[in-house]
Amino acid sequence: MPLYSVKTGKSPDDVIEQAKAYFGEDGLGLSISGENPCCVTFEGAGGHVSVTASQEEGETEVELETREWDYQVQKFMGQV
């Protein structure tokens, strides 16, 4: 499963909310299968996407793991 990483100036909370809007039911239509303050996991169409956001030295590091959603994950990384 591919693992991607990107840094952003957004807060971890903002990243998680943006991921829910992008990948979730109102976005790509994936179902949330797990969620806590630092991460959210989506499932659907035979694959999954996991998003983890953590604050490090004034930046937020976002890690994304996926199966079957590589293109959409890369597009999300460009928006975050």
PDB file of N, CA and C in Angstrom:
ATOM      1  N   MET A   1       0.838  -1.178   0.000  1.00  0.00           N
ATOM      2  CA  MET A   1       0.000   0.000   0.000  1.00  0.00           C
ATOM      3  C   MET A   1       0.882   1.241   0.000  1.00  0.00           C
ATOM      4  N   PRO A   2       0.667   2.124  -0.936  1.00  0.00           N
ATOM      5  CA  PRO A   2       1.469   3.344  -0.996  1.00  0.00           C
ATOM      6  C   PRO A   2       1.252   4.238   0.225  1.00  0.00           C
ATOM      7  N   LEU A   3       2.337   4.861   0.642  1.00  0.00           N
ATOM      8  CA  LEU A   3       2.301   5.814   1.747  1.00  0.00           C
ATOM      9  C   LEU A   3       2.833   7.138   1.221  1.00  0.00           C
ATOM     10  N   TYR A   4       2.065   8.194   1.401  1.00  0.00           N
ATOM     11  CA  TYR A   4       2.431   9.529   0.939  1.00  0.00           C
ATOM     12  C   TYR A   4       2.563  10.453   2.139  1.00  0.00           C
ATOM     13  N   SER A   5       3.311  11.536   1.965  1.00  0.00           N
ATOM     14  CA  SER A   5       3.497  12.509   3.028  1.00  0.00           C
ATOM     15  C   SER A   5       3.624  13.904   2.426  1.00  0.00           C
ATOM     16  N   VAL A   6       3.021  14.877   3.109  1.00  0.00           N
ATOM     17  CA  VAL A   6       3.093  16.265   2.679  1.00  0.00           C
ATOM     18  C   VAL A   6       3.043  17.145   3.921  1.00  0.00           C
ATOM     19  N   LYS A   7       3.675  18.320   3.854  1.00  0.00           N
ATOM     20  CA  LYS A   7       3.624  19.282   4.957  1.00  0.00           C
ATOM     21  C   LYS A   7       2.771  20.461   4.545  1.00  0.00           C
ATOM     22  N   THR A   8       2.081  21.041   5.529  1.00  0.00           N
ATOM     23  CA  THR A   8       1.202  22.170   5.276  1.00  0.00           C
ATOM     24  C   THR A   8       1.212  23.123   6.457  1.00  0.00           C
ATOM     25  N   GLY A   9       0.778  24.340   6.215  1.00  0.00           N
ATOM     26  CA  GLY A   9       0.637  25.331   7.276  1.00  0.00           C
ATOM     27  C   GLY A   9      -0.704  25.250   7.984  1.00  0.00           C
ATOM     28  N   LYS A  10      -1.596  24.402   7.496  1.00  0.00           N
ATOM     29  CA  LYS A  10      -2.911  24.240   8.118  1.00  0.00           C
ATOM     30  C   LYS A  10      -2.783  23.447   9.415  1.00  0.00           C
ATOM     31  N   SER A  11      -3.748  23.629  10.303  1.00  0.00           N
ATOM     32  CA  SER A  11      -3.744  22.878  11.553  1.00  0.00           C
ATOM     33  C   SER A  11      -4.172  21.428  11.290  1.00  0.00           C
ATOM     34  N   PRO A  12      -3.796  20.506  12.182  1.00  0.00           N
ATOM     35  CA  PRO A  12      -4.247  19.128  12.020  1.00  0.00           C
ATOM     36  C   PRO A  12      -5.775  19.014  11.949  1.00  0.00           C
ATOM     37  N   ASP A  13      -6.489  19.791  12.758  1.00  0.00           N
ATOM     38  CA  ASP A  13      -7.957  19.768  12.733  1.00  0.00           C
ATOM     39  C   ASP A  13      -8.485  20.176  11.360  1.00  0.00           C
ATOM     40  N   ASP A  14      -7.887  21.218  10.777  1.00  0.00           N
ATOM     41  CA  ASP A  14      -8.313  21.675   9.451  1.00  0.00           C
ATOM     42  C   ASP A  14      -8.055  20.603   8.387  1.00  0.00           C
ATOM     43  N   VAL A  15      -6.930  19.928   8.491  1.00  0.00           N
ATOM     44  CA  VAL A  15      -6.595  18.878   7.525  1.00  0.00           C
ATOM     45  C   VAL A  15      -7.600  17.736   7.609  1.00  0.00           C
ATOM     46  N   ILE A  16      -7.945  17.327   8.832  1.00  0.00           N
ATOM     47  CA  ILE A  16      -8.897  16.227   9.006  1.00  0.00           C
ATOM     48  C   ILE A  16     -10.271  16.631   8.465  1.00  0.00           C
ATOM     49  N   GLU A  17     -10.698  17.858   8.742  1.00  0.00           N
ATOM     50  CA  GLU A  17     -11.992  18.323   8.227  1.00  0.00           C
ATOM     51  C   GLU A  17     -11.992  18.397   6.699  1.00  0.00           C
ATOM     52  N   GLN A  18     -10.872  18.851   6.130  1.00  0.00           N
ATOM     53  CA  GLN A  18     -10.764  18.917   4.676  1.00  0.00           C
ATOM     54  C   GLN A  18     -10.779  17.510   4.067  1.00  0.00           C
ATOM     55  N   ALA A  19     -10.129  16.558   4.732  1.00  0.00           N
ATOM     56  CA  ALA A  19     -10.133  15.173   4.249  1.00  0.00           C
ATOM     57  C   ALA A  19     -11.545  14.601   4.283  1.00  0.00           C
ATOM     58  N   LYS A  20     -12.297  14.889   5.339  1.00  0.00           N
ATOM     59  CA  LYS A  20     -13.669  14.390   5.441  1.00  0.00           C
ATOM     60  C   LYS A  20     -14.543  14.975   4.331  1.00  0.00           C
ATOM     61  N   ALA A  21     -14.331  16.241   4.019  1.00  0.00           N
ATOM     62  CA  ALA A  21     -15.110  16.871   2.944  1.00  0.00           C
ATOM     63  C   ALA A  21     -14.717  16.309   1.579  1.00  0.00           C
ATOM     64  N   TYR A  22     -13.449  16.029   1.380  1.00  0.00           N
ATOM     65  CA  TYR A  22     -12.952  15.568   0.086  1.00  0.00           C
ATOM     66  C   TYR A  22     -13.270  14.079  -0.165  1.00  0.00           C
ATOM     67  N   PHE A  23     -12.926  13.233   0.808  1.00  0.00           N
ATOM     68  CA  PHE A  23     -13.076  11.789   0.621  1.00  0.00           C
ATOM     69  C   PHE A  23     -14.441  11.264   1.073  1.00  0.00           C
ATOM     70  N   GLY A  24     -15.086  11.956   1.993  1.00  0.00           N
ATOM     71  CA  GLY A  24     -16.316  11.475   2.618  1.00  0.00           C
ATOM     72  C   GLY A  24     -17.522  11.455   1.705  1.00  0.00           C
ATOM     73  N   GLU A  25     -18.673  11.219   2.307  1.00  0.00           N
ATOM     74  CA  GLU A  25     -19.909  10.997   1.561  1.00  0.00           C
ATOM     75  C   GLU A  25     -20.308  12.169   0.679  1.00  0.00           C
ATOM     76  N   ASP A  26     -19.989  13.402   1.081  1.00  0.00           N
ATOM     77  CA  ASP A  26     -20.330  14.561   0.253  1.00  0.00           C
ATOM     78  C   ASP A  26     -19.270  14.857  -0.804  1.00  0.00           C
ATOM     79  N   GLY A  27     -18.148  14.139  -0.741  1.00  0.00           N
ATOM     80  CA  GLY A  27     -17.079  14.316  -1.715  1.00  0.00           C
ATOM     81  C   GLY A  27     -17.028  13.117  -2.654  1.00  0.00           C
ATOM     82  N   LEU A  28     -16.028  12.255  -2.444  1.00  0.00           N
ATOM     83  CA  LEU A  28     -15.869  11.078  -3.293  1.00  0.00           C
ATOM     84  C   LEU A  28     -16.807   9.937  -2.901  1.00  0.00           C
ATOM     85  N   GLY A  29     -17.493  10.079  -1.792  1.00  0.00           N
ATOM     86  CA  GLY A  29     -18.496   9.088  -1.404  1.00  0.00           C
ATOM     87  C   GLY A  29     -17.991   7.927  -0.576  1.00  0.00           C
ATOM     88  N   LEU A  30     -16.787   8.047  -0.008  1.00  0.00           N
ATOM     89  CA  LEU A  30     -16.271   6.976   0.838  1.00  0.00           C
ATOM     90  C   LEU A  30     -16.889   7.071   2.235  1.00  0.00           C
ATOM     91  N   SER A  31     -17.001   5.932   2.889  1.00  0.00           N
ATOM     92  CA  SER A  31     -17.552   5.880   4.248  1.00  0.00           C
ATOM     93  C   SER A  31     -16.430   5.999   5.267  1.00  0.00           C
ATOM     94  N   ILE A  32     -16.670   6.727   6.344  1.00  0.00           N
ATOM     95  CA  ILE A  32     -15.698   6.823   7.426  1.00  0.00           C
ATOM     96  C   ILE A  32     -15.767   5.533   8.229  1.00  0.00           C
ATOM     97  N   SER A  33     -14.630   4.838   8.333  1.00  0.00           N
ATOM     98  CA  SER A  33     -14.585   3.583   9.080  1.00  0.00           C
ATOM     99  C   SER A  33     -13.875   3.734  10.414  1.00  0.00           C
ATOM    100  N   GLY A  34     -13.207   4.851  10.627  1.00  0.00           N
ATOM    101  CA  GLY A  34     -12.534   5.121  11.891  1.00  0.00           C
ATOM    102  C   GLY A  34     -12.141   6.581  11.963  1.00  0.00           C
ATOM    103  N   GLU A  35     -12.220   7.140  13.170  1.00  0.00           N
ATOM    104  CA  GLU A  35     -11.889   8.562  13.323  1.00  0.00           C
ATOM    105  C   GLU A  35     -11.489   8.857  14.757  1.00  0.00           C
ATOM    106  N   ASN A  36     -10.451   9.684  14.914  1.00  0.00           N
ATOM    107  CA  ASN A  36     -10.096  10.282  16.193  1.00  0.00           C
ATOM    108  C   ASN A  36      -9.469  11.635  15.887  1.00  0.00           C
ATOM    109  N   PRO A  37      -9.081  12.425  16.885  1.00  0.00           N
ATOM    110  CA  PRO A  37      -8.628  13.801  16.600  1.00  0.00           C
ATOM    111  C   PRO A  37      -7.462  13.926  15.625  1.00  0.00           C
ATOM    112  N   CYS A  38      -6.603  12.908  15.514  1.00  0.00           N
ATOM    113  CA  CYS A  38      -5.424  13.032  14.643  1.00  0.00           C
ATOM    114  C   CYS A  38      -5.557  12.316  13.317  1.00  0.00           C
ATOM    115  N   CYS A  39      -6.593  11.499  13.149  1.00  0.00           N
ATOM    116  CA  CYS A  39      -6.662  10.726  11.915  1.00  0.00           C
ATOM    117  C   CYS A  39      -8.087  10.295  11.582  1.00  0.00           C
ATOM    118  N   VAL A  40      -8.242   9.947  10.316  1.00  0.00           N
ATOM    119  CA  VAL A  40      -9.530   9.466   9.828  1.00  0.00           C
ATOM    120  C   VAL A  40      -9.262   8.441   8.728  1.00  0.00           C
ATOM    121  N   THR A  41     -10.078   7.392   8.704  1.00  0.00           N
ATOM    122  CA  THR A  41      -9.941   6.334   7.708  1.00  0.00           C
ATOM    123  C   THR A  41     -11.253   6.185   6.959  1.00  0.00           C
ATOM    124  N   PHE A  42     -11.125   6.066   5.648  1.00  0.00           N
ATOM    125  CA  PHE A  42     -12.278   5.934   4.762  1.00  0.00           C
ATOM    126  C   PHE A  42     -12.194   4.601   4.040  1.00  0.00           C
ATOM    127  N   GLU A  43     -13.361   4.020   3.721  1.00  0.00           N
ATOM    128  CA  GLU A  43     -13.413   2.789   2.953  1.00  0.00           C
ATOM    129  C   GLU A  43     -14.478   2.896   1.880  1.00  0.00           C
ATOM    130  N   GLY A  44     -14.234   2.210   0.776  1.00  0.00           N
ATOM    131  CA  GLY A  44     -15.221   2.163  -0.289  1.00  0.00           C
ATOM    132  C   GLY A  44     -14.608   1.728  -1.599  1.00  0.00           C
ATOM    133  N   ALA A  45     -15.433   1.167  -2.476  1.00  0.00           N
ATOM    134  CA  ALA A  45     -15.030   0.756  -3.828  1.00  0.00           C
ATOM    135  C   ALA A  45     -13.822  -0.176  -3.809  1.00  0.00           C
ATOM    136  N   GLY A  46     -13.738  -1.047  -2.795  1.00  0.00           N
ATOM    137  CA  GLY A  46     -12.668  -2.028  -2.729  1.00  0.00           C
ATOM    138  C   GLY A  46     -11.341  -1.495  -2.234  1.00  0.00           C
ATOM    139  N   GLY A  47     -11.324  -0.283  -1.710  1.00  0.00           N
ATOM    140  CA  GLY A  47     -10.078   0.293  -1.225  1.00  0.00           C
ATOM    141  C   GLY A  47     -10.282   1.093   0.039  1.00  0.00           C
ATOM    142  N   HIS A  48      -9.240   1.793   0.427  1.00  0.00           N
ATOM    143  CA  HIS A  48      -9.312   2.639   1.616  1.00  0.00           C
ATOM    144  C   HIS A  48      -8.329   3.799   1.504  1.00  0.00           C
ATOM    145  N   VAL A  49      -8.552   4.797   2.350  1.00  0.00           N
ATOM    146  CA  VAL A  49      -7.639   5.928   2.502  1.00  0.00           C
ATOM    147  C   VAL A  49      -7.553   6.229   3.989  1.00  0.00           C
ATOM    148  N   SER A  50      -6.338   6.324   4.519  1.00  0.00           N
ATOM    149  CA  SER A  50      -6.114   6.733   5.901  1.00  0.00           C
ATOM    150  C   SER A  50      -5.333   8.037   5.897  1.00  0.00           C
ATOM    151  N   VAL A  51      -5.813   9.021   6.664  1.00  0.00           N
ATOM    152  CA  VAL A  51      -5.175  10.332   6.746  1.00  0.00           C
ATOM    153  C   VAL A  51      -4.797  10.584   8.196  1.00  0.00           C
ATOM    154  N   THR A  52      -3.518  10.879   8.430  1.00  0.00           N
ATOM    155  CA  THR A  52      -3.022  11.209   9.770  1.00  0.00           C
ATOM    156  C   THR A  52      -2.351  12.574   9.700  1.00  0.00           C
ATOM    157  N   ALA A  53      -2.703  13.457  10.642  1.00  0.00           N
ATOM    158  CA  ALA A  53      -2.132  14.806  10.667  1.00  0.00           C
ATOM    159  C   ALA A  53      -1.533  15.067  12.039  1.00  0.00           C
ATOM    160  N   SER A  54      -0.261  15.496  12.059  1.00  0.00           N
ATOM    161  CA  SER A  54       0.403  15.784  13.328  1.00  0.00           C
ATOM    162  C   SER A  54       1.216  17.072  13.215  1.00  0.00           C
ATOM    163  N   GLN A  55       1.190  17.847  14.294  1.00  0.00           N
ATOM    164  CA  GLN A  55       1.898  19.131  14.345  1.00  0.00           C
ATOM    165  C   GLN A  55       3.370  18.890  14.651  1.00  0.00           C
ATOM    166  N   GLU A  56       4.253  19.487  13.840  1.00  0.00           N
ATOM    167  CA  GLU A  56       5.695  19.382  14.046  1.00  0.00           C
ATOM    168  C   GLU A  56       6.356  20.696  13.720  1.00  0.00           C
ATOM    169  N   GLU A  57       6.950  21.337  14.710  1.00  0.00           N
ATOM    170  CA  GLU A  57       7.726  22.562  14.506  1.00  0.00           C
ATOM    171  C   GLU A  57       7.003  23.606  13.666  1.00  0.00           C
ATOM    172  N   GLY A  58       5.754  23.896  13.996  1.00  0.00           N
ATOM    173  CA  GLY A  58       5.010  24.940  13.312  1.00  0.00           C
ATOM    174  C   GLY A  58       4.359  24.537  12.009  1.00  0.00           C
ATOM    175  N   GLU A  59       4.591  23.307  11.578  1.00  0.00           N
ATOM    176  CA  GLU A  59       3.966  22.786  10.366  1.00  0.00           C
ATOM    177  C   GLU A  59       3.172  21.531  10.730  1.00  0.00           C
ATOM    178  N   THR A  60       2.256  21.183   9.865  1.00  0.00           N
ATOM    179  CA  THR A  60       1.513  19.944  10.051  1.00  0.00           C
ATOM    180  C   THR A  60       1.987  18.940   9.014  1.00  0.00           C
ATOM    181  N   GLU A  61       2.411  17.781   9.488  1.00  0.00           N
ATOM    182  CA  GLU A  61       2.784  16.706   8.582  1.00  0.00           C
ATOM    183  C   GLU A  61       1.561  15.826   8.369  1.00  0.00           C
ATOM    184  N   VAL A  62       1.239  15.601   7.114  1.00  0.00           N
ATOM    185  CA  VAL A  62       0.082  14.799   6.739  1.00  0.00           C
ATOM    186  C   VAL A  62       0.586  13.525   6.078  1.00  0.00           C
ATOM    187  N   GLU A  63       0.207  12.383   6.650  1.00  0.00           N
ATOM    188  CA  GLU A  63       0.558  11.090   6.065  1.00  0.00           C
ATOM    189  C   GLU A  63      -0.710  10.443   5.544  1.00  0.00           C
ATOM    190  N   LEU A  64      -0.623   9.908   4.344  1.00  0.00           N
ATOM    191  CA  LEU A  64      -1.771   9.275   3.702  1.00  0.00           C
ATOM    192  C   LEU A  64      -1.376   7.881   3.233  1.00  0.00           C
ATOM    193  N   GLU A  65      -2.178   6.910   3.600  1.00  0.00           N
ATOM    194  CA  GLU A  65      -1.987   5.544   3.129  1.00  0.00           C
ATOM    195  C   GLU A  65      -3.219   5.177   2.313  1.00  0.00           C
ATOM    196  N   THR A  66      -3.019   4.496   1.206  1.00  0.00           N
ATOM    197  CA  THR A  66      -4.163   4.200   0.352  1.00  0.00           C
ATOM    198  C   THR A  66      -4.042   2.854  -0.340  1.00  0.00           C
ATOM    199  N   ARG A  67      -5.176   2.360  -0.720  1.00  0.00           N
ATOM    200  CA  ARG A  67      -5.270   1.220  -1.627  1.00  0.00           C
ATOM    201  C   ARG A  67      -6.400   1.554  -2.588  1.00  0.00           C
ATOM    202  N   GLU A  68      -6.081   1.617  -3.873  1.00  0.00           N
ATOM    203  CA  GLU A  68      -7.035   1.889  -4.948  1.00  0.00           C
ATOM    204  C   GLU A  68      -7.401   3.365  -5.136  1.00  0.00           C
ATOM    205  N   TRP A  69      -6.872   4.272  -4.345  1.00  0.00           N
ATOM    206  CA  TRP A  69      -7.251   5.689  -4.436  1.00  0.00           C
ATOM    207  C   TRP A  69      -6.027   6.591  -4.615  1.00  0.00           C
ATOM    208  N   ASP A  70      -4.982   6.098  -5.257  1.00  0.00           N
ATOM    209  CA  ASP A  70      -3.731   6.856  -5.400  1.00  0.00           C
ATOM    210  C   ASP A  70      -3.925   8.203  -6.099  1.00  0.00           C
ATOM    211  N   TYR A  71      -4.625   8.207  -7.204  1.00  0.00           N
ATOM    212  CA  TYR A  71      -4.812   9.450  -7.955  1.00  0.00           C
ATOM    213  C   TYR A  71      -5.511  10.496  -7.093  1.00  0.00           C
ATOM    214  N   GLN A  72      -6.568  10.108  -6.408  1.00  0.00           N
ATOM    215  CA  GLN A  72      -7.330  11.035  -5.584  1.00  0.00           C
ATOM    216  C   GLN A  72      -6.519  11.512  -4.372  1.00  0.00           C
ATOM    217  N   VAL A  73      -5.686  10.633  -3.813  1.00  0.00           N
ATOM    218  CA  VAL A  73      -4.813  11.025  -2.706  1.00  0.00           C
ATOM    219  C   VAL A  73      -3.808  12.073  -3.180  1.00  0.00           C
ATOM    220  N   GLN A  74      -3.218  11.857  -4.342  1.00  0.00           N
ATOM    221  CA  GLN A  74      -2.252  12.821  -4.865  1.00  0.00           C
ATOM    222  C   GLN A  74      -2.924  14.166  -5.150  1.00  0.00           C
ATOM    223  N   LYS A  75      -4.129  14.135  -5.639  1.00  0.00           N
ATOM    224  CA  LYS A  75      -4.872  15.375  -5.885  1.00  0.00           C
ATOM    225  C   LYS A  75      -5.164  16.091  -4.562  1.00  0.00           C
ATOM    226  N   PHE A  76      -5.581  15.357  -3.544  1.00  0.00           N
ATOM    227  CA  PHE A  76      -5.823  15.925  -2.219  1.00  0.00           C
ATOM    228  C   PHE A  76      -4.558  16.580  -1.666  1.00  0.00           C
ATOM    229  N   MET A  77      -3.424  15.926  -1.844  1.00  0.00           N
ATOM    230  CA  MET A  77      -2.154  16.461  -1.344  1.00  0.00           C
ATOM    231  C   MET A  77      -1.862  17.828  -1.962  1.00  0.00           C
ATOM    232  N   GLY A  78      -2.243  18.026  -3.202  1.00  0.00           N
ATOM    233  CA  GLY A  78      -2.045  19.324  -3.852  1.00  0.00           C
ATOM    234  C   GLY A  78      -2.959  20.408  -3.325  1.00  0.00           C
ATOM    235  N   GLN A  79      -4.063  20.019  -2.699  1.00  0.00           N
ATOM    236  CA  GLN A  79      -5.016  20.996  -2.173  1.00  0.00           C
ATOM    237  C   GLN A  79      -4.782  21.326  -0.708  1.00  0.00           C
ATOM    238  N   VAL A  80      -4.125  20.420  -0.001  1.00  0.00           N
ATOM    239  CA  VAL A  80      -3.935  20.615   1.429  1.00  0.00           C
ATOM    240  C   VAL A  80      -2.742  21.509   1.689  1.00  0.00           C
TER     241      VAL A  80
END
